[in-house]
PDB file of N, CA and C in Angstrom:
ATOM      1  N   MET A   1      84.640  87.450  74.429  1.00  0.00           N
ATOM      2  CA  MET A   1      85.058  88.707  75.016  1.00  0.00           C
ATOM      3  C   MET A   1      86.058  88.439  76.138  1.00  0.00           C
ATOM      4  N   PRO A   2      87.188  89.140  76.125  1.00  0.00           N
ATOM      5  CA  PRO A   2      88.151  88.942  77.214  1.00  0.00           C
ATOM      6  C   PRO A   2      87.616  89.500  78.526  1.00  0.00           C
ATOM      7  N   ASN A   3      87.892  88.816  79.597  1.00  0.00           N
ATOM      8  CA  ASN A   3      87.469  89.266  80.927  1.00  0.00           C
ATOM      9  C   ASN A   3      88.609  90.028  81.575  1.00  0.00           C
ATOM     10  N   GLN A   4      88.324  91.293  81.894  1.00  0.00           N
ATOM     11  CA  GLN A   4      89.345  92.160  82.459  1.00  0.00           C
ATOM     12  C   GLN A   4      88.830  92.813  83.736  1.00  0.00           C
ATOM     13  N   ILE A   5      89.687  92.854  84.725  1.00  0.00           N
ATOM     14  CA  ILE A   5      89.362  93.518  85.983  1.00  0.00           C
ATOM     15  C   ILE A   5      90.319  94.689  86.159  1.00  0.00           C
ATOM     16  N   VAL A   6      89.775  95.803  86.610  1.00  0.00           N
ATOM     17  CA  VAL A   6      90.583  96.958  86.985  1.00  0.00           C
ATOM     18  C   VAL A   6      90.260  97.276  88.437  1.00  0.00           C
ATOM     19  N   ILE A   7      91.292  97.345  89.253  1.00  0.00           N
ATOM     20  CA  ILE A   7      91.138  97.753  90.649  1.00  0.00           C
ATOM     21  C   ILE A   7      91.733  99.151  90.757  1.00  0.00           C
ATOM     22  N   GLU A   8      90.858 100.130  90.947  1.00  0.00           N
ATOM     23  CA  GLU A   8      91.280 101.521  91.092  1.00  0.00           C
ATOM     24  C   GLU A   8      91.325 101.829  92.578  1.00  0.00           C
ATOM     25  N   TYR A   9      92.500 102.204  93.060  1.00  0.00           N
ATOM     26  CA  TYR A   9      92.709 102.385  94.494  1.00  0.00           C
ATOM     27  C   TYR A   9      93.335 103.750  94.780  1.00  0.00           C
ATOM     28  N   CYS A  10      93.163 104.226  95.998  1.00  0.00           N
ATOM     29  CA  CYS A  10      93.750 105.492  96.438  1.00  0.00           C
ATOM     30  C   CYS A  10      95.152 105.227  96.982  1.00  0.00           C
ATOM     31  N   PRO A  11      96.199 105.703  96.283  1.00  0.00           N
ATOM     32  CA  PRO A  11      97.547 105.477  96.792  1.00  0.00           C
ATOM     33  C   PRO A  11      97.827 106.266  98.072  1.00  0.00           C
ATOM     34  N   LYS A  12      97.197 107.417  98.243  1.00  0.00           N
ATOM     35  CA  LYS A  12      97.414 108.230  99.443  1.00  0.00           C
ATOM     36  C   LYS A  12      96.855 107.549 100.688  1.00  0.00           C
ATOM     37  N   CYS A  13      95.858 106.679 100.490  1.00  0.00           N
ATOM     38  CA  CYS A  13      95.250 105.949 101.608  1.00  0.00           C
ATOM     39  C   CYS A  13      96.048 104.688 101.963  1.00  0.00           C
ATOM     40  N   GLY A  14      97.033 104.340 101.144  1.00  0.00           N
ATOM     41  CA  GLY A  14      97.849 103.153 101.418  1.00  0.00           C
ATOM     42  C   GLY A  14      97.178 101.855 101.020  1.00  0.00           C
ATOM     43  N   TRP A  15      96.335 101.900  99.997  1.00  0.00           N
ATOM     44  CA  TRP A  15      95.565 100.718  99.619  1.00  0.00           C
ATOM     45  C   TRP A  15      96.187  99.886  98.503  1.00  0.00           C
ATOM     46  N   LEU A  16      97.438 100.172  98.136  1.00  0.00           N
ATOM     47  CA  LEU A  16      98.101  99.390  97.100  1.00  0.00           C
ATOM     48  C   LEU A  16      98.223  97.924  97.507  1.00  0.00           C
ATOM     49  N   LEU A  17      98.632  97.652  98.730  1.00  0.00           N
ATOM     50  CA  LEU A  17      98.805  96.256  99.152  1.00  0.00           C
ATOM     51  C   LEU A  17      97.481  95.498  99.133  1.00  0.00           C
ATOM     52  N   ARG A  18      96.400  96.163  99.543  1.00  0.00           N
ATOM     53  CA  ARG A  18      95.075  95.535  99.503  1.00  0.00           C
ATOM     54  C   ARG A  18      94.694  95.214  98.056  1.00  0.00           C
ATOM     55  N   ALA A  19      94.920  96.177  97.154  1.00  0.00           N
ATOM     56  CA  ALA A  19      94.600  95.974  95.740  1.00  0.00           C
ATOM     57  C   ALA A  19      95.436  94.842  95.152  1.00  0.00           C
ATOM     58  N   ALA A  20      96.721  94.799  95.502  1.00  0.00           N
ATOM     59  CA  ALA A  20      97.605  93.739  95.000  1.00  0.00           C
ATOM     60  C   ALA A  20      97.177  92.374  95.519  1.00  0.00           C
ATOM     61  N   TYR A  21      96.784  92.313  96.779  1.00  0.00           N
ATOM     62  CA  TYR A  21      96.305  91.053  97.361  1.00  0.00           C
ATOM     63  C   TYR A  21      95.052  90.573  96.629  1.00  0.00           C
ATOM     64  N   MET A  22      94.109  91.481  96.410  1.00  0.00           N
ATOM     65  CA  MET A  22      92.881  91.097  95.698  1.00  0.00           C
ATOM     66  C   MET A  22      93.197  90.648  94.277  1.00  0.00           C
ATOM     67  N   ALA A  23      94.106  91.337  93.613  1.00  0.00           N
ATOM     68  CA  ALA A  23      94.500  90.946  92.256  1.00  0.00           C
ATOM     69  C   ALA A  23      95.096  89.543  92.258  1.00  0.00           C
ATOM     70  N   GLN A  24      95.984  89.267  93.212  1.00  0.00           N
ATOM     71  CA  GLN A  24      96.613  87.946  93.316  1.00  0.00           C
ATOM     72  C   GLN A  24      95.567  86.857  93.535  1.00  0.00           C
ATOM     73  N   GLU A  25      94.642  87.096  94.441  1.00  0.00           N
ATOM     74  CA  GLU A  25      93.601  86.110  94.729  1.00  0.00           C
ATOM     75  C   GLU A  25      92.729  85.846  93.503  1.00  0.00           C
ATOM     76  N   LEU A  26      92.355  86.904  92.796  1.00  0.00           N
ATOM     77  CA  LEU A  26      91.515  86.739  91.609  1.00  0.00           C
ATOM     78  C   LEU A  26      92.266  86.001  90.498  1.00  0.00           C
ATOM     79  N   LEU A  27      93.526  86.359  90.280  1.00  0.00           N
ATOM     80  CA  LEU A  27      94.314  85.686  89.234  1.00  0.00           C
ATOM     81  C   LEU A  27      94.571  84.226  89.575  1.00  0.00           C
ATOM     82  N   THR A  28      94.717  83.919  90.854  1.00  0.00           N
ATOM     83  CA  THR A  28      94.937  82.535  91.274  1.00  0.00           C
ATOM     84  C   THR A  28      93.668  81.703  91.116  1.00  0.00           C
ATOM     85  N   THR A  29      92.530  82.289  91.426  1.00  0.00           N
ATOM     86  CA  THR A  29      91.257  81.570  91.361  1.00  0.00           C
ATOM     87  C   THR A  29      90.743  81.426  89.933  1.00  0.00           C
ATOM     88  N   PHE A  30      90.909  82.472  89.140  1.00  0.00           N
ATOM     89  CA  PHE A  30      90.359  82.498  87.778  1.00  0.00           C
ATOM     90  C   PHE A  30      91.486  82.468  86.749  1.00  0.00           C
ATOM     91  N   THR A  31      92.317  81.428  86.829  1.00  0.00           N
ATOM     92  CA  THR A  31      93.511  81.338  85.982  1.00  0.00           C
ATOM     93  C   THR A  31      93.197  81.328  84.492  1.00  0.00           C
ATOM     94  N   THR A  32      92.124  80.681  84.100  1.00  0.00           N
ATOM     95  CA  THR A  32      91.797  80.619  82.668  1.00  0.00           C
ATOM     96  C   THR A  32      90.668  81.565  82.270  1.00  0.00           C
ATOM     97  N   GLU A  33      89.934  82.070  83.243  1.00  0.00           N
ATOM     98  CA  GLU A  33      88.777  82.923  82.938  1.00  0.00           C
ATOM     99  C   GLU A  33      89.130  84.403  82.808  1.00  0.00           C
ATOM    100  N   LEU A  34      90.188  84.845  83.491  1.00  0.00           N
ATOM    101  CA  LEU A  34      90.569  86.264  83.448  1.00  0.00           C
ATOM    102  C   LEU A  34      91.746  86.467  82.504  1.00  0.00           C
ATOM    103  N   ASP A  35      91.642  87.498  81.685  1.00  0.00           N
ATOM    104  CA  ASP A  35      92.730  87.845  80.781  1.00  0.00           C
ATOM    105  C   ASP A  35      93.692  88.837  81.421  1.00  0.00           C
ATOM    106  N   SER A  36      93.171  89.673  82.319  1.00  0.00           N
ATOM    107  CA  SER A  36      94.047  90.625  82.991  1.00  0.00           C
ATOM    108  C   SER A  36      93.390  91.180  84.246  1.00  0.00           C
ATOM    109  N   VAL A  37      94.260  91.574  85.173  1.00  0.00           N
ATOM    110  CA  VAL A  37      93.848  92.349  86.337  1.00  0.00           C
ATOM    111  C   VAL A  37      94.824  93.522  86.392  1.00  0.00           C
ATOM    112  N   THR A  38      94.267  94.715  86.347  1.00  0.00           N
ATOM    113  CA  THR A  38      95.077  95.926  86.317  1.00  0.00           C
ATOM    114  C   THR A  38      94.901  96.701  87.615  1.00  0.00           C
ATOM    115  N   LEU A  39      96.014  97.159  88.172  1.00  0.00           N
ATOM    116  CA  LEU A  39      95.974  98.029  89.342  1.00  0.00           C
ATOM    117  C   LEU A  39      96.152  99.454  88.837  1.00  0.00           C
ATOM    118  N   LYS A  40      95.206 100.318  89.205  1.00  0.00           N
ATOM    119  CA  LYS A  40      95.199 101.693  88.699  1.00  0.00           C
ATOM    120  C   LYS A  40      95.135 102.678  89.862  1.00  0.00           C
ATOM    121  N   PRO A  41      96.218 103.431  90.094  1.00  0.00           N
ATOM    122  CA  PRO A  41      96.163 104.459  91.134  1.00  0.00           C
ATOM    123  C   PRO A  41      95.122 105.511  90.761  1.00  0.00           C
ATOM    124  N   SER A  42      94.313 105.898  91.723  1.00  0.00           N
ATOM    125  CA  SER A  42      93.251 106.879  91.482  1.00  0.00           C
ATOM    126  C   SER A  42      93.740 108.280  91.799  1.00  0.00           C
ATOM    127  N   ALA A  43      93.296 109.233  90.998  1.00  0.00           N
ATOM    128  CA  ALA A  43      93.584 110.641  91.273  1.00  0.00           C
ATOM    129  C   ALA A  43      92.608 111.187  92.314  1.00  0.00           C
ATOM    130  N   THR A  44      91.537 110.436  92.586  1.00  0.00           N
ATOM    131  CA  THR A  44      90.517 110.849  93.550  1.00  0.00           C
ATOM    132  C   THR A  44      90.799 110.199  94.895  1.00  0.00           C
ATOM    133  N   GLY A  45      90.989 111.014  95.920  1.00  0.00           N
ATOM    134  CA  GLY A  45      91.269 110.504  97.256  1.00  0.00           C
ATOM    135  C   GLY A  45      90.141 109.644  97.800  1.00  0.00           C
ATOM    136  N   GLY A  46      90.501 108.545  98.469  1.00  0.00           N
ATOM    137  CA  GLY A  46      89.519 107.672  99.107  1.00  0.00           C
ATOM    138  C   GLY A  46      88.833 106.691  98.182  1.00  0.00           C
ATOM    139  N   ARG A  47      89.165 106.714  96.911  1.00  0.00           N
ATOM    140  CA  ARG A  47      88.473 105.840  95.953  1.00  0.00           C
ATOM    141  C   ARG A  47      89.041 104.428  95.976  1.00  0.00           C
ATOM    142  N   TYR A  48      88.136 103.466  95.938  1.00  0.00           N
ATOM    143  CA  TYR A  48      88.487 102.062  95.755  1.00  0.00           C
ATOM    144  C   TYR A  48      87.346 101.440  94.966  1.00  0.00           C
ATOM    145  N   HIS A  49      87.557 101.327  93.661  1.00  0.00           N
ATOM    146  CA  HIS A  49      86.557 100.773  92.754  1.00  0.00           C
ATOM    147  C   HIS A  49      87.117  99.513  92.118  1.00  0.00           C
ATOM    148  N   ILE A  50      86.252  98.556  91.895  1.00  0.00           N
ATOM    149  CA  ILE A  50      86.630  97.362  91.144  1.00  0.00           C
ATOM    150  C   ILE A  50      85.684  97.273  89.950  1.00  0.00           C
ATOM    151  N   TYR A  51      86.282  97.205  88.763  1.00  0.00           N
ATOM    152  CA  TYR A  51      85.515  97.110  87.516  1.00  0.00           C
ATOM    153  C   TYR A  51      85.739  95.738  86.898  1.00  0.00           C
ATOM    154  N   LEU A  52      84.694  95.182  86.340  1.00  0.00           N
ATOM    155  CA  LEU A  52      84.784  93.947  85.570  1.00  0.00           C
ATOM    156  C   LEU A  52      84.260  94.255  84.186  1.00  0.00           C
ATOM    157  N   ASN A  53      85.131  94.141  83.199  1.00  0.00           N
ATOM    158  CA  ASN A  53      84.767  94.451  81.812  1.00  0.00           C
ATOM    159  C   ASN A  53      84.126  95.839  81.702  1.00  0.00           C
ATOM    160  N   ASP A  54      84.743  96.808  82.319  1.00  0.00           N
ATOM    161  CA  ASP A  54      84.337  98.223  82.306  1.00  0.00           C
ATOM    162  C   ASP A  54      83.050  98.529  83.068  1.00  0.00           C
ATOM    163  N   ALA A  55      82.448  97.546  83.714  1.00  0.00           N
ATOM    164  CA  ALA A  55      81.250  97.781  84.526  1.00  0.00           C
ATOM    165  C   ALA A  55      81.665  97.808  86.001  1.00  0.00           C
ATOM    166  N   LEU A  56      81.150  98.779  86.732  1.00  0.00           N
ATOM    167  CA  LEU A  56      81.483  98.894  88.151  1.00  0.00           C
ATOM    168  C   LEU A  56      80.935  97.690  88.911  1.00  0.00           C
ATOM    169  N   LEU A  57      81.820  96.964  89.560  1.00  0.00           N
ATOM    170  CA  LEU A  57      81.448  95.791  90.347  1.00  0.00           C
ATOM    171  C   LEU A  57      81.381  96.140  91.830  1.00  0.00           C
ATOM    172  N   PHE A  58      82.258  97.057  92.270  1.00  0.00           N
ATOM    173  CA  PHE A  58      82.329  97.394  93.686  1.00  0.00           C
ATOM    174  C   PHE A  58      82.792  98.834  93.861  1.00  0.00           C
ATOM    175  N   ASP A  59      82.160  99.525  94.820  1.00  0.00           N
ATOM    176  CA  ASP A  59      82.526 100.892  95.192  1.00  0.00           C
ATOM    177  C   ASP A  59      82.619 100.945  96.710  1.00  0.00           C
ATOM    178  N   ARG A  60      83.808 101.181  97.235  1.00  0.00           N
ATOM    179  CA  ARG A  60      84.030 101.193  98.681  1.00  0.00           C
ATOM    180  C   ARG A  60      83.140 102.215  99.384  1.00  0.00           C
ATOM    181  N   HIS A  61      82.951 103.348  98.759  1.00  0.00           N
ATOM    182  CA  HIS A  61      82.128 104.397  99.373  1.00  0.00           C
ATOM    183  C   HIS A  61      80.671 103.933  99.534  1.00  0.00           C
ATOM    184  N   GLU A  62      80.127 103.331  98.480  1.00  0.00           N
ATOM    185  CA  GLU A  62      78.740 102.842  98.546  1.00  0.00           C
ATOM    186  C   GLU A  62      78.594 101.704  99.542  1.00  0.00           C
ATOM    187  N   ALA A  63      79.616 100.858  99.633  1.00  0.00           N
ATOM    188  CA  ALA A  63      79.559  99.685 100.518  1.00  0.00           C
ATOM    189  C   ALA A  63      79.971 100.005 101.950  1.00  0.00           C
ATOM    190  N   SER A  64      80.512 101.186 102.168  1.00  0.00           N
ATOM    191  CA  SER A  64      81.002 101.593 103.497  1.00  0.00           C
ATOM    192  C   SER A  64      82.077 100.653 104.027  1.00  0.00           C
ATOM    193  N   GLY A  65      82.921 100.178 103.148  1.00  0.00           N
ATOM    194  CA  GLY A  65      84.003  99.292 103.550  1.00  0.00           C
ATOM    195  C   GLY A  65      84.467  98.448 102.382  1.00  0.00           C
ATOM    196  N   PHE A  66      85.308  97.489 102.666  1.00  0.00           N
ATOM    197  CA  PHE A  66      85.879  96.621 101.644  1.00  0.00           C
ATOM    198  C   PHE A  66      85.185  95.257 101.643  1.00  0.00           C
ATOM    199  N   PRO A  67      85.141  94.604 100.474  1.00  0.00           N
ATOM    200  CA  PRO A  67      84.527  93.268 100.437  1.00  0.00           C
ATOM    201  C   PRO A  67      85.482  92.209 100.984  1.00  0.00           C
ATOM    202  N   GLU A  68      84.920  91.175 101.553  1.00  0.00           N
ATOM    203  CA  GLU A  68      85.721  90.003 101.896  1.00  0.00           C
ATOM    204  C   GLU A  68      86.155  89.370 100.578  1.00  0.00           C
ATOM    205  N   ILE A  69      87.329  88.764 100.551  1.00  0.00           N
ATOM    206  CA  ILE A  69      87.827  88.165  99.314  1.00  0.00           C
ATOM    207  C   ILE A  69      86.884  87.059  98.842  1.00  0.00           C
ATOM    208  N   LYS A  70      86.308  86.324  99.773  1.00  0.00           N
ATOM    209  CA  LYS A  70      85.347  85.267  99.429  1.00  0.00           C
ATOM    210  C   LYS A  70      84.170  85.854  98.655  1.00  0.00           C
ATOM    211  N   THR A  71      83.631  86.961  99.117  1.00  0.00           N
ATOM    212  CA  THR A  71      82.496  87.613  98.470  1.00  0.00           C
ATOM    213  C   THR A  71      82.892  88.143  97.102  1.00  0.00           C
ATOM    214  N   LEU A  72      84.062  88.759  96.999  1.00  0.00           N
ATOM    215  CA  LEU A  72      84.533  89.278  95.717  1.00  0.00           C
ATOM    216  C   LEU A  72      84.662  88.162  94.691  1.00  0.00           C
ATOM    217  N   LYS A  73      85.228  87.039  95.106  1.00  0.00           N
ATOM    218  CA  LYS A  73      85.367  85.904  94.191  1.00  0.00           C
ATOM    219  C   LYS A  73      83.999  85.403  93.728  1.00  0.00           C
ATOM    220  N   GLN A  74      83.026  85.375  94.626  1.00  0.00           N
ATOM    221  CA  GLN A  74      81.680  84.936  94.247  1.00  0.00           C
ATOM    222  C   GLN A  74      81.051  85.898  93.236  1.00  0.00           C
ATOM    223  N   TRP A  75      81.222  87.203  93.447  1.00  0.00           N
ATOM    224  CA  TRP A  75      80.675  88.190  92.504  1.00  0.00           C
ATOM    225  C   TRP A  75      81.283  88.001  91.111  1.00  0.00           C
ATOM    226  N   VAL A  76      82.605  87.828  91.067  1.00  0.00           N
ATOM    227  CA  VAL A  76      83.287  87.651  89.780  1.00  0.00           C
ATOM    228  C   VAL A  76      82.842  86.344  89.140  1.00  0.00           C
ATOM    229  N   ARG A  77      82.836  85.276  89.917  1.00  0.00           N
ATOM    230  CA  ARG A  77      82.412  83.968  89.391  1.00  0.00           C
ATOM    231  C   ARG A  77      81.004  84.029  88.807  1.00  0.00           C
ATOM    232  N   ASP A  78      80.082  84.661  89.529  1.00  0.00           N
ATOM    233  CA  ASP A  78      78.691  84.721  89.079  1.00  0.00           C
ATOM    234  C   ASP A  78      78.543  85.435  87.744  1.00  0.00           C
ATOM    235  N   ARG A  79      79.489  86.314  87.411  1.00  0.00           N
ATOM    236  CA  ARG A  79      79.406  87.073  86.163  1.00  0.00           C
ATOM    237  C   ARG A  79      80.176  86.449  85.000  1.00  0.00           C
ATOM    238  N   ILE A  80      81.293  85.763  85.296  1.00  0.00           N
ATOM    239  CA  ILE A  80      82.104  85.265  84.181  1.00  0.00           C
ATOM    240  C   ILE A  80      82.138  83.743  84.055  1.00  0.00           C
ATOM    241  N   SER A  81      81.796  83.025  85.125  1.00  0.00           N
ATOM    242  CA  SER A  81      81.859  81.562  85.084  1.00  0.00           C
ATOM    243  C   SER A  81      80.916  80.964  86.118  1.00  0.00           C
ATOM    244  N   PRO A  82      79.591  81.128  85.901  1.00  0.00           N
ATOM    245  CA  PRO A  82      78.598  80.749  86.914  1.00  0.00           C
ATOM    246  C   PRO A  82      78.699  79.308  87.422  1.00  0.00           C
ATOM    247  N   GLY A  83      79.202  78.393  86.639  1.00  0.00           N
ATOM    248  CA  GLY A  83      79.279  76.998  87.069  1.00  0.00           C
ATOM    249  C   GLY A  83      80.539  76.654  87.837  1.00  0.00           C
ATOM    250  N   LYS A  84      81.464  77.594  87.964  1.00  0.00           N
ATOM    251  CA  LYS A  84      82.750  77.309  88.599  1.00  0.00           C
ATOM    252  C   LYS A  84      82.588  77.068  90.093  1.00  0.00           C
ATOM    253  N   ASP A  85      83.219  75.994  90.573  1.00  0.00           N
ATOM    254  CA  ASP A  85      83.235  75.675  92.005  1.00  0.00           C
ATOM    255  C   ASP A  85      84.373  76.449  92.649  1.00  0.00           C
ATOM    256  N   LEU A  86      84.068  77.217  93.664  1.00  0.00           N
ATOM    257  CA  LEU A  86      85.094  77.988  94.367  1.00  0.00           C
ATOM    258  C   LEU A  86      85.619  77.293  95.609  1.00  0.00           C
ATOM    259  N   GLY A  87      85.266  76.031  95.773  1.00  0.00           N
ATOM    260  CA  GLY A  87      85.759  75.281  96.918  1.00  0.00           C
ATOM    261  C   GLY A  87      85.305  75.895  98.229  1.00  0.00           C
ATOM    262  N   HIS A  88      86.252  76.174  99.132  1.00  0.00           N
ATOM    263  CA  HIS A  88      85.913  76.688 100.452  1.00  0.00           C
ATOM    264  C   HIS A  88      85.247  78.058 100.390  1.00  0.00           C
ATOM    265  N   SER A  89      85.422  78.811  99.307  1.00  0.00           N
ATOM    266  CA  SER A  89      84.784  80.129  99.186  1.00  0.00           C
ATOM    267  C   SER A  89      83.276  80.021  98.949  1.00  0.00           C
ATOM    268  N   ASP A  90      82.812  78.838  98.610  1.00  0.00           N
ATOM    269  CA  ASP A  90      81.363  78.632  98.417  1.00  0.00           C
ATOM    270  C   ASP A  90      80.689  78.152  99.694  1.00  0.00           C
ATOM    271  N   ARG A  91      81.453  77.875 100.720  1.00  0.00           N
ATOM    272  CA  ARG A  91      80.869  77.344 101.948  1.00  0.00           C
ATOM    273  C   ARG A  91      80.654  78.440 102.969  1.00  0.00           C
TER     274      ARG A  91
END
């Protein structure tokens, strides 16, 4: 099964750069494990959702903020490549 991430962000909130940064970090870390990372502008104001293979991985509203990139990488790793060493992100 291909591993796909969708980052749905609120363009009115100015979160495109944050979404792009997270996409870059994930694509750099999971070069062979991820098939795609898609940035999707949301029609719903304030939304910032991250989906992995169509399952909700993160909801900014539920978390009351944004995840640290280290934490996001660990969540993705634990689901698609549990044995992968994340180097400094595991410390």
